[in-house]
Structures are given as C-alpha cells and as structure tokens.
Amino acid sequence: MDPLHPCDKHEFLSRIETVKELEQTDFETYSVVKDSENGQHYLRYSFTHINLSEGGRRDEFDHFLPLESDDVLAILFGEQAYQFPDNWKTAYLRSGTDERLMPFDPSENHDLEKDAEAELALLKKLQQFKQQWNAAEDKESLTRDLFRDLDAIIKKADD
C-alpha cells in the first residue's frame, strides 16, 4: 500500500498505533506511529490552530511523514531531528479542514529563496529605471540597459 495515498482521516487514524510520543506542548505533539494494517511507520505531527477570526474555534491538524526503518531508530534514539517544517523535506500526508489526508510534497517550495532574491532585484531595477527616466537624455539607451539588466537577473535566477 502506498504510504502517501489520499485517504479518509478517521479510517487512517483507526489503524494507527503510537510507538512513542516524542514531544508534547499545549499546541503541538510529535510521535512515532505505526499503521497496524501494513506496518508502515510515520512521524506524526499534530497541532492545534486557534482561529481567532471565528471566535477562537480550535482546529486540529495532523501530518504524517513516512519513515524508513533507519529513520525510526534514529528518531527514537534522539539521533535525528524531526521538527516541522525544517526536517520535513520529503512528501507526507496532511489533513485540512475536511476529513481527508492528502499527500503534500514540500520540495516544490525549497527553491523559493532564490526566486525571492531575483524578484527583489527585478523590483529594484524597475524602481531605479523609474527614477532615472525623467532625467534621462537618452531614454532609448536607458530602456535597453534596463532590459539587459533584467535579462541578466532572470538568467542568474534560472542557473
């Protein structure tokens, strides 16, 4: 059975056995759990979100990161970090406001820092262009330089 198959949250939770609770606070809990149906281990991260805009309603969310045998042992013996989101770099199941667990792949978000830097550089160039435009004697040359600089920023971000 695919450990990242979308499924009903209540059905999934009915098959889960806690192997060891790792950490618990008022709003978060980490534990190693096992699916009794197929033997798959997961790192479970449960948290409570207090929705202040809806009168302080508490929403409960669960994330389940599939673990390999070596990871289970390393986490249980304190040799491997497990905190969310820093150590959750591979796909996992997560709940939402409905009764489903859906796969989520965080790897598509890992390169956003590079994109954000490029975005800021582009914005800075456009602001400089705007400031220089009114005083420029050769607006055509200024525009050519702008597009050259923008192309260089985009090329650097793609590398």
N, C-alpha and C. Protein backbone atom coordinates (compact mmCIF):
# COMPACT_ATOMS: atom_id res chain seq x y z
N MET A 1 0.84 -1.19 0.00
CA MET A 1 0.00 0.00 0.00
C MET A 1 0.88 1.25 0.00
N ASP A 2 0.54 2.20 -0.81
CA ASP A 2 1.28 3.46 -0.93
C ASP A 2 1.09 4.28 0.36
N PRO A 3 2.21 4.61 1.05
CA PRO A 3 2.07 5.38 2.31
C PRO A 3 1.58 6.81 2.08
N LEU A 4 1.55 7.25 0.83
CA LEU A 4 1.11 8.61 0.53
C LEU A 4 -0.18 8.63 -0.28
N HIS A 5 -0.99 7.62 -0.12
CA HIS A 5 -2.26 7.53 -0.83
C HIS A 5 -3.31 8.38 -0.11
N PRO A 6 -4.04 9.24 -0.83
CA PRO A 6 -5.11 10.01 -0.16
C PRO A 6 -6.08 9.05 0.52
N CYS A 7 -6.55 9.42 1.70
CA CYS A 7 -7.45 8.53 2.42
C CYS A 7 -8.31 9.31 3.40
N ASP A 8 -9.29 8.62 3.95
CA ASP A 8 -10.16 9.17 4.96
C ASP A 8 -9.38 9.28 6.28
N LYS A 9 -9.41 10.44 6.90
CA LYS A 9 -8.63 10.67 8.11
C LYS A 9 -9.05 9.75 9.25
N HIS A 10 -10.36 9.60 9.48
CA HIS A 10 -10.82 8.76 10.59
C HIS A 10 -10.45 7.30 10.38
N GLU A 11 -10.56 6.83 9.15
CA GLU A 11 -10.19 5.45 8.85
C GLU A 11 -8.69 5.24 9.10
N PHE A 12 -7.89 6.16 8.64
CA PHE A 12 -6.44 6.08 8.83
C PHE A 12 -6.10 6.10 10.32
N LEU A 13 -6.68 7.02 11.06
CA LEU A 13 -6.40 7.13 12.50
C LEU A 13 -6.82 5.88 13.26
N SER A 14 -7.84 5.18 12.79
CA SER A 14 -8.28 3.96 13.47
C SER A 14 -7.25 2.84 13.36
N ARG A 15 -6.36 2.93 12.36
CA ARG A 15 -5.33 1.90 12.15
C ARG A 15 -4.00 2.26 12.80
N ILE A 16 -3.88 3.46 13.33
CA ILE A 16 -2.60 3.97 13.84
C ILE A 16 -2.40 3.58 15.31
N GLU A 17 -1.20 3.08 15.60
CA GLU A 17 -0.79 2.78 16.97
C GLU A 17 0.40 3.66 17.30
N THR A 18 0.40 4.26 18.48
CA THR A 18 1.52 5.10 18.89
C THR A 18 2.66 4.20 19.36
N VAL A 19 3.83 4.37 18.74
CA VAL A 19 5.02 3.64 19.16
C VAL A 19 5.68 4.38 20.31
N LYS A 20 5.86 5.70 20.13
CA LYS A 20 6.45 6.52 21.20
C LYS A 20 6.10 7.98 20.98
N GLU A 21 5.66 8.62 22.05
CA GLU A 21 5.44 10.06 22.00
C GLU A 21 6.79 10.71 22.22
N LEU A 22 7.15 11.64 21.35
CA LEU A 22 8.47 12.27 21.40
C LEU A 22 8.46 13.61 22.14
N GLU A 23 7.40 14.38 21.92
CA GLU A 23 7.37 15.73 22.48
C GLU A 23 5.92 16.20 22.49
N GLN A 24 5.53 16.91 23.55
CA GLN A 24 4.17 17.42 23.61
C GLN A 24 4.17 18.78 24.30
N THR A 25 3.46 19.74 23.67
CA THR A 25 3.22 21.05 24.27
C THR A 25 1.71 21.26 24.27
N ASP A 26 1.28 22.46 24.65
CA ASP A 26 -0.15 22.75 24.65
C ASP A 26 -0.76 22.70 23.25
N PHE A 27 0.05 22.98 22.23
CA PHE A 27 -0.49 23.08 20.87
C PHE A 27 0.11 22.10 19.88
N GLU A 28 1.19 21.42 20.23
CA GLU A 28 1.85 20.52 19.29
C GLU A 28 2.20 19.19 19.96
N THR A 29 2.17 18.13 19.14
CA THR A 29 2.61 16.82 19.60
C THR A 29 3.35 16.13 18.47
N TYR A 30 4.49 15.55 18.80
CA TYR A 30 5.25 14.72 17.87
C TYR A 30 5.27 13.30 18.41
N SER A 31 5.03 12.34 17.54
CA SER A 31 5.12 10.94 17.95
C SER A 31 5.46 10.07 16.76
N VAL A 32 6.05 8.92 17.05
CA VAL A 32 6.28 7.91 16.03
C VAL A 32 5.10 6.96 16.13
N VAL A 33 4.44 6.73 15.00
CA VAL A 33 3.27 5.87 14.97
C VAL A 33 3.46 4.80 13.90
N LYS A 34 2.62 3.77 13.99
CA LYS A 34 2.70 2.65 13.06
C LYS A 34 1.30 2.32 12.56
N ASP A 35 1.19 2.10 11.26
CA ASP A 35 -0.06 1.67 10.65
C ASP A 35 -0.17 0.16 10.89
N SER A 36 -1.13 -0.26 11.71
CA SER A 36 -1.25 -1.68 12.06
C SER A 36 -1.63 -2.55 10.87
N GLU A 37 -2.17 -1.94 9.83
CA GLU A 37 -2.59 -2.70 8.65
C GLU A 37 -1.42 -3.11 7.77
N ASN A 38 -0.45 -2.21 7.60
CA ASN A 38 0.65 -2.51 6.68
C ASN A 38 2.05 -2.39 7.30
N GLY A 39 2.13 -2.00 8.57
CA GLY A 39 3.42 -1.91 9.24
C GLY A 39 4.22 -0.65 8.96
N GLN A 40 3.69 0.25 8.15
CA GLN A 40 4.39 1.50 7.81
C GLN A 40 4.48 2.40 9.03
N HIS A 41 5.69 2.90 9.31
CA HIS A 41 5.90 3.86 10.39
C HIS A 41 5.80 5.28 9.84
N TYR A 42 5.32 6.18 10.68
CA TYR A 42 5.21 7.59 10.33
C TYR A 42 5.68 8.42 11.52
N LEU A 43 6.18 9.60 11.20
CA LEU A 43 6.37 10.62 12.21
C LEU A 43 5.10 11.44 12.17
N ARG A 44 4.40 11.50 13.28
CA ARG A 44 3.14 12.23 13.35
C ARG A 44 3.38 13.58 14.02
N TYR A 45 2.93 14.61 13.34
CA TYR A 45 2.97 15.95 13.90
C TYR A 45 1.52 16.42 13.97
N SER A 46 1.02 16.62 15.18
CA SER A 46 -0.34 17.11 15.40
C SER A 46 -0.26 18.49 16.01
N PHE A 47 -1.10 19.37 15.54
CA PHE A 47 -1.11 20.70 16.14
C PHE A 47 -2.52 21.27 16.15
N THR A 48 -2.72 22.21 17.07
CA THR A 48 -3.99 22.90 17.23
C THR A 48 -3.80 24.33 16.77
N HIS A 49 -4.69 24.76 15.89
CA HIS A 49 -4.70 26.15 15.43
C HIS A 49 -5.93 26.82 16.01
N ILE A 50 -5.74 27.94 16.68
CA ILE A 50 -6.86 28.69 17.22
C ILE A 50 -7.23 29.76 16.21
N ASN A 51 -8.41 29.63 15.65
CA ASN A 51 -8.88 30.54 14.62
C ASN A 51 -9.60 31.72 15.29
N LEU A 52 -8.85 32.78 15.52
CA LEU A 52 -9.40 33.94 16.23
C LEU A 52 -10.47 34.65 15.44
N SER A 53 -10.37 34.61 14.12
CA SER A 53 -11.37 35.30 13.30
C SER A 53 -12.72 34.60 13.34
N GLU A 54 -12.75 33.38 13.89
CA GLU A 54 -14.02 32.66 14.02
C GLU A 54 -14.32 32.35 15.48
N GLY A 55 -14.09 33.34 16.33
CA GLY A 55 -14.46 33.21 17.73
C GLY A 55 -13.59 32.30 18.56
N GLY A 56 -12.36 32.07 18.13
CA GLY A 56 -11.46 31.22 18.89
C GLY A 56 -11.66 29.73 18.67
N ARG A 57 -12.29 29.39 17.54
CA ARG A 57 -12.51 27.97 17.23
C ARG A 57 -11.17 27.25 17.10
N ARG A 58 -11.09 26.07 17.69
CA ARG A 58 -9.86 25.27 17.62
C ARG A 58 -9.97 24.27 16.48
N ASP A 59 -8.98 24.29 15.60
CA ASP A 59 -8.90 23.33 14.50
C ASP A 59 -7.71 22.42 14.76
N GLU A 60 -7.93 21.13 14.64
CA GLU A 60 -6.87 20.13 14.84
C GLU A 60 -6.36 19.65 13.48
N PHE A 61 -5.05 19.62 13.32
CA PHE A 61 -4.43 19.18 12.08
C PHE A 61 -3.39 18.10 12.38
N ASP A 62 -3.24 17.19 11.44
CA ASP A 62 -2.27 16.11 11.56
C ASP A 62 -1.44 16.03 10.29
N HIS A 63 -0.14 15.75 10.47
CA HIS A 63 0.77 15.49 9.36
C HIS A 63 1.44 14.16 9.65
N PHE A 64 1.60 13.34 8.62
CA PHE A 64 2.22 12.03 8.76
C PHE A 64 3.33 11.87 7.74
N LEU A 65 4.57 11.84 8.22
CA LEU A 65 5.75 11.69 7.37
C LEU A 65 6.16 10.22 7.37
N PRO A 66 6.09 9.54 6.20
CA PRO A 66 6.51 8.13 6.16
C PRO A 66 7.99 8.01 6.54
N LEU A 67 8.31 7.00 7.33
CA LEU A 67 9.68 6.80 7.81
C LEU A 67 10.22 5.45 7.34
N GLU A 68 11.50 5.43 7.04
CA GLU A 68 12.22 4.19 6.78
C GLU A 68 12.66 3.64 8.14
N SER A 69 12.99 2.37 8.19
CA SER A 69 13.39 1.73 9.46
C SER A 69 14.54 2.47 10.14
N ASP A 70 15.54 2.87 9.37
CA ASP A 70 16.69 3.58 9.94
C ASP A 70 16.26 4.92 10.56
N ASP A 71 15.32 5.60 9.90
CA ASP A 71 14.83 6.87 10.43
C ASP A 71 14.08 6.68 11.74
N VAL A 72 13.28 5.60 11.80
CA VAL A 72 12.53 5.31 13.02
C VAL A 72 13.50 5.17 14.19
N LEU A 73 14.52 4.36 14.00
CA LEU A 73 15.50 4.14 15.08
C LEU A 73 16.25 5.42 15.43
N ALA A 74 16.66 6.16 14.42
CA ALA A 74 17.41 7.40 14.68
C ALA A 74 16.57 8.41 15.45
N ILE A 75 15.31 8.51 15.12
CA ILE A 75 14.42 9.44 15.84
C ILE A 75 14.17 8.94 17.26
N LEU A 76 13.90 7.65 17.40
CA LEU A 76 13.62 7.10 18.73
C LEU A 76 14.80 7.24 19.68
N PHE A 77 16.03 7.14 19.15
CA PHE A 77 17.22 7.25 19.99
C PHE A 77 17.78 8.67 20.04
N GLY A 78 17.02 9.63 19.51
CA GLY A 78 17.42 11.03 19.60
C GLY A 78 18.57 11.43 18.71
N GLU A 79 18.85 10.66 17.69
CA GLU A 79 19.98 10.94 16.80
C GLU A 79 19.57 11.70 15.54
N GLN A 80 18.28 11.92 15.35
CA GLN A 80 17.81 12.59 14.13
C GLN A 80 16.76 13.63 14.52
N ALA A 81 16.93 14.84 13.99
CA ALA A 81 15.96 15.90 14.24
C ALA A 81 14.67 15.60 13.48
N TYR A 82 13.55 16.06 14.02
CA TYR A 82 12.27 15.74 13.41
C TYR A 82 11.28 16.91 13.37
N GLN A 83 11.66 18.09 13.86
CA GLN A 83 10.73 19.20 13.97
C GLN A 83 10.22 19.65 12.60
N PHE A 84 8.95 20.04 12.60
CA PHE A 84 8.28 20.55 11.42
C PHE A 84 8.46 22.06 11.38
N PRO A 85 8.71 22.68 10.27
CA PRO A 85 8.85 22.15 8.91
C PRO A 85 10.30 21.89 8.50
N ASP A 86 11.26 22.28 9.35
CA ASP A 86 12.67 22.23 8.97
C ASP A 86 13.15 20.85 8.53
N ASN A 87 12.64 19.81 9.13
CA ASN A 87 13.12 18.46 8.84
C ASN A 87 12.13 17.63 8.02
N TRP A 88 11.17 18.27 7.43
CA TRP A 88 10.15 17.60 6.62
C TRP A 88 10.37 17.99 5.16
N LYS A 89 11.38 17.42 4.53
CA LYS A 89 11.77 17.79 3.16
C LYS A 89 11.21 16.84 2.10
N THR A 90 10.60 15.72 2.53
CA THR A 90 10.04 14.77 1.58
C THR A 90 8.52 14.78 1.71
N ALA A 91 7.85 14.14 0.78
CA ALA A 91 6.38 14.13 0.74
C ALA A 91 5.80 13.47 2.00
N TYR A 92 4.65 13.98 2.42
CA TYR A 92 3.96 13.46 3.58
C TYR A 92 2.45 13.64 3.42
N LEU A 93 1.69 13.01 4.29
CA LEU A 93 0.23 13.19 4.31
C LEU A 93 -0.10 14.31 5.28
N ARG A 94 -1.08 15.12 4.91
CA ARG A 94 -1.51 16.16 5.84
C ARG A 94 -3.02 16.31 5.78
N SER A 95 -3.59 16.71 6.90
CA SER A 95 -5.03 16.92 6.96
C SER A 95 -5.32 18.39 6.72
N GLY A 96 -6.58 18.64 6.45
CA GLY A 96 -7.04 20.01 6.27
C GLY A 96 -8.27 20.22 7.12
N THR A 97 -9.18 21.02 6.65
CA THR A 97 -10.40 21.29 7.40
C THR A 97 -11.49 20.27 7.09
N ASP A 98 -11.24 19.39 6.14
CA ASP A 98 -12.20 18.32 5.86
C ASP A 98 -11.69 17.02 6.50
N GLU A 99 -12.27 15.93 6.16
CA GLU A 99 -11.92 14.65 6.80
C GLU A 99 -11.01 13.79 5.93
N ARG A 100 -10.10 14.42 5.21
CA ARG A 100 -9.19 13.67 4.35
C ARG A 100 -7.75 13.91 4.76
N LEU A 101 -6.91 12.93 4.42
CA LEU A 101 -5.47 13.09 4.47
C LEU A 101 -5.00 13.09 3.02
N MET A 102 -4.27 14.12 2.66
CA MET A 102 -3.83 14.27 1.27
C MET A 102 -2.30 14.37 1.23
N PRO A 103 -1.71 13.81 0.17
CA PRO A 103 -0.25 13.93 0.03
C PRO A 103 0.15 15.38 -0.25
N PHE A 104 1.28 15.75 0.30
CA PHE A 104 1.84 17.08 0.07
C PHE A 104 3.33 16.93 -0.12
N ASP A 105 3.86 17.54 -1.17
CA ASP A 105 5.30 17.48 -1.46
C ASP A 105 5.91 18.86 -1.23
N PRO A 106 6.64 19.05 -0.14
CA PRO A 106 7.21 20.36 0.16
C PRO A 106 8.41 20.71 -0.73
N SER A 107 8.91 19.76 -1.48
CA SER A 107 10.11 20.02 -2.28
C SER A 107 9.87 21.08 -3.34
N GLU A 108 8.63 21.28 -3.75
CA GLU A 108 8.37 22.30 -4.74
C GLU A 108 8.54 23.70 -4.18
N ASN A 109 8.68 23.84 -2.87
CA ASN A 109 8.86 25.14 -2.24
C ASN A 109 10.30 25.41 -1.80
N HIS A 110 11.21 24.47 -1.98
CA HIS A 110 12.57 24.62 -1.47
C HIS A 110 13.37 25.70 -2.18
N ASP A 111 13.08 26.00 -3.43
CA ASP A 111 13.87 26.96 -4.18
C ASP A 111 13.26 28.35 -4.20
N LEU A 112 12.34 28.63 -3.32
CA LEU A 112 11.67 29.93 -3.34
C LEU A 112 12.58 31.07 -2.91
N GLU A 113 13.60 30.79 -2.09
CA GLU A 113 14.50 31.85 -1.65
C GLU A 113 15.22 32.47 -2.85
N LYS A 114 15.68 31.64 -3.77
CA LYS A 114 16.36 32.13 -4.96
C LYS A 114 15.42 32.97 -5.82
N ASP A 115 14.19 32.51 -5.95
CA ASP A 115 13.18 33.26 -6.71
C ASP A 115 12.87 34.60 -6.04
N ALA A 116 12.80 34.60 -4.72
CA ALA A 116 12.50 35.83 -3.99
C ALA A 116 13.63 36.85 -4.16
N GLU A 117 14.88 36.37 -4.15
CA GLU A 117 16.02 37.28 -4.37
C GLU A 117 15.94 37.89 -5.76
N ALA A 118 15.63 37.08 -6.76
CA ALA A 118 15.51 37.59 -8.13
C ALA A 118 14.38 38.60 -8.23
N GLU A 119 13.28 38.32 -7.58
CA GLU A 119 12.13 39.22 -7.59
C GLU A 119 12.50 40.57 -7.00
N LEU A 120 13.23 40.56 -5.88
CA LEU A 120 13.65 41.82 -5.26
C LEU A 120 14.63 42.59 -6.16
N ALA A 121 15.52 41.86 -6.81
CA ALA A 121 16.48 42.51 -7.72
C ALA A 121 15.75 43.13 -8.91
N LEU A 122 14.76 42.43 -9.45
CA LEU A 122 13.97 42.98 -10.56
C LEU A 122 13.23 44.24 -10.12
N LEU A 123 12.63 44.19 -8.96
CA LEU A 123 11.90 45.34 -8.44
C LEU A 123 12.83 46.54 -8.24
N LYS A 124 14.02 46.28 -7.71
CA LYS A 124 14.99 47.35 -7.50
C LYS A 124 15.39 48.00 -8.83
N LYS A 125 15.62 47.16 -9.85
CA LYS A 125 15.98 47.69 -11.18
C LYS A 125 14.86 48.54 -11.75
N LEU A 126 13.63 48.08 -11.60
CA LEU A 126 12.49 48.84 -12.13
C LEU A 126 12.32 50.17 -11.39
N GLN A 127 12.58 50.18 -10.09
CA GLN A 127 12.50 51.42 -9.32
C GLN A 127 13.59 52.40 -9.76
N GLN A 128 14.80 51.87 -9.99
CA GLN A 128 15.89 52.72 -10.48
C GLN A 128 15.55 53.31 -11.85
N PHE A 129 14.99 52.48 -12.72
CA PHE A 129 14.61 52.92 -14.06
C PHE A 129 13.58 54.05 -13.96
N LYS A 130 12.61 53.89 -13.11
CA LYS A 130 11.57 54.91 -12.95
C LYS A 130 12.17 56.23 -12.48
N GLN A 131 13.12 56.15 -11.53
CA GLN A 131 13.75 57.36 -11.01
C GLN A 131 14.60 58.04 -12.07
N GLN A 132 15.27 57.26 -12.91
CA GLN A 132 16.17 57.81 -13.91
C GLN A 132 15.43 58.28 -15.16
N TRP A 133 14.24 57.83 -15.38
CA TRP A 133 13.51 58.09 -16.63
C TRP A 133 13.33 59.59 -16.91
N ASN A 134 12.83 60.32 -15.94
CA ASN A 134 12.54 61.74 -16.16
C ASN A 134 13.79 62.56 -16.45
N ALA A 135 14.92 62.21 -15.86
CA ALA A 135 16.15 62.97 -16.05
C ALA A 135 16.98 62.47 -17.22
N ALA A 136 16.62 61.34 -17.79
CA ALA A 136 17.45 60.73 -18.84
C ALA A 136 17.33 61.50 -20.15
N GLU A 137 18.50 61.76 -20.76
CA GLU A 137 18.51 62.40 -22.08
C GLU A 137 18.30 61.35 -23.17
N ASP A 138 18.84 60.15 -22.96
CA ASP A 138 18.72 59.07 -23.94
C ASP A 138 17.83 57.97 -23.35
N LYS A 139 16.53 58.16 -23.46
CA LYS A 139 15.57 57.21 -22.88
C LYS A 139 15.66 55.84 -23.56
N GLU A 140 15.98 55.83 -24.82
CA GLU A 140 16.09 54.55 -25.54
C GLU A 140 17.26 53.73 -24.99
N SER A 141 18.39 54.36 -24.75
CA SER A 141 19.54 53.67 -24.19
C SER A 141 19.24 53.19 -22.76
N LEU A 142 18.58 54.05 -21.99
CA LEU A 142 18.19 53.68 -20.62
C LEU A 142 17.29 52.44 -20.63
N THR A 143 16.36 52.40 -21.57
CA THR A 143 15.44 51.27 -21.68
C THR A 143 16.18 50.01 -22.11
N ARG A 144 17.11 50.14 -23.06
CA ARG A 144 17.93 48.99 -23.49
C ARG A 144 18.73 48.43 -22.32
N ASP A 145 19.33 49.33 -21.54
CA ASP A 145 20.11 48.91 -20.37
C ASP A 145 19.22 48.20 -19.34
N LEU A 146 18.01 48.71 -19.16
CA LEU A 146 17.08 48.08 -18.23
C LEU A 146 16.81 46.64 -18.66
N PHE A 147 16.46 46.44 -19.92
CA PHE A 147 16.13 45.08 -20.38
C PHE A 147 17.35 44.16 -20.34
N ARG A 148 18.53 44.69 -20.58
CA ARG A 148 19.74 43.89 -20.47
C ARG A 148 19.94 43.43 -19.02
N ASP A 149 19.77 44.38 -18.09
CA ASP A 149 19.93 44.06 -16.67
C ASP A 149 18.86 43.08 -16.18
N LEU A 150 17.62 43.26 -16.64
CA LEU A 150 16.55 42.34 -16.26
C LEU A 150 16.82 40.94 -16.78
N ASP A 151 17.30 40.83 -18.02
CA ASP A 151 17.65 39.52 -18.59
C ASP A 151 18.75 38.86 -17.78
N ALA A 152 19.74 39.62 -17.34
CA ALA A 152 20.84 39.08 -16.55
C ALA A 152 20.34 38.55 -15.20
N ILE A 153 19.44 39.28 -14.58
CA ILE A 153 18.87 38.86 -13.28
C ILE A 153 18.08 37.56 -13.46
N ILE A 154 17.27 37.50 -14.50
CA ILE A 154 16.46 36.30 -14.75
C ILE A 154 17.35 35.10 -15.07
N LYS A 155 18.39 35.33 -15.88
CA LYS A 155 19.31 34.24 -16.23
C LYS A 155 20.01 33.71 -14.98
N LYS A 156 20.44 34.61 -14.12
CA LYS A 156 21.11 34.20 -12.88
C LYS A 156 20.18 33.38 -12.00
N ALA A 157 18.90 33.76 -11.94
CA ALA A 157 17.92 33.05 -11.12
C ALA A 157 17.65 31.64 -11.67
N ASP A 158 17.75 31.49 -12.98
CA ASP A 158 17.49 30.19 -13.62
C ASP A 158 18.66 29.22 -13.50
N ASP A 159 19.85 29.74 -13.22
CA ASP A 159 21.05 28.88 -13.12
C ASP A 159 21.08 28.09 -11.84
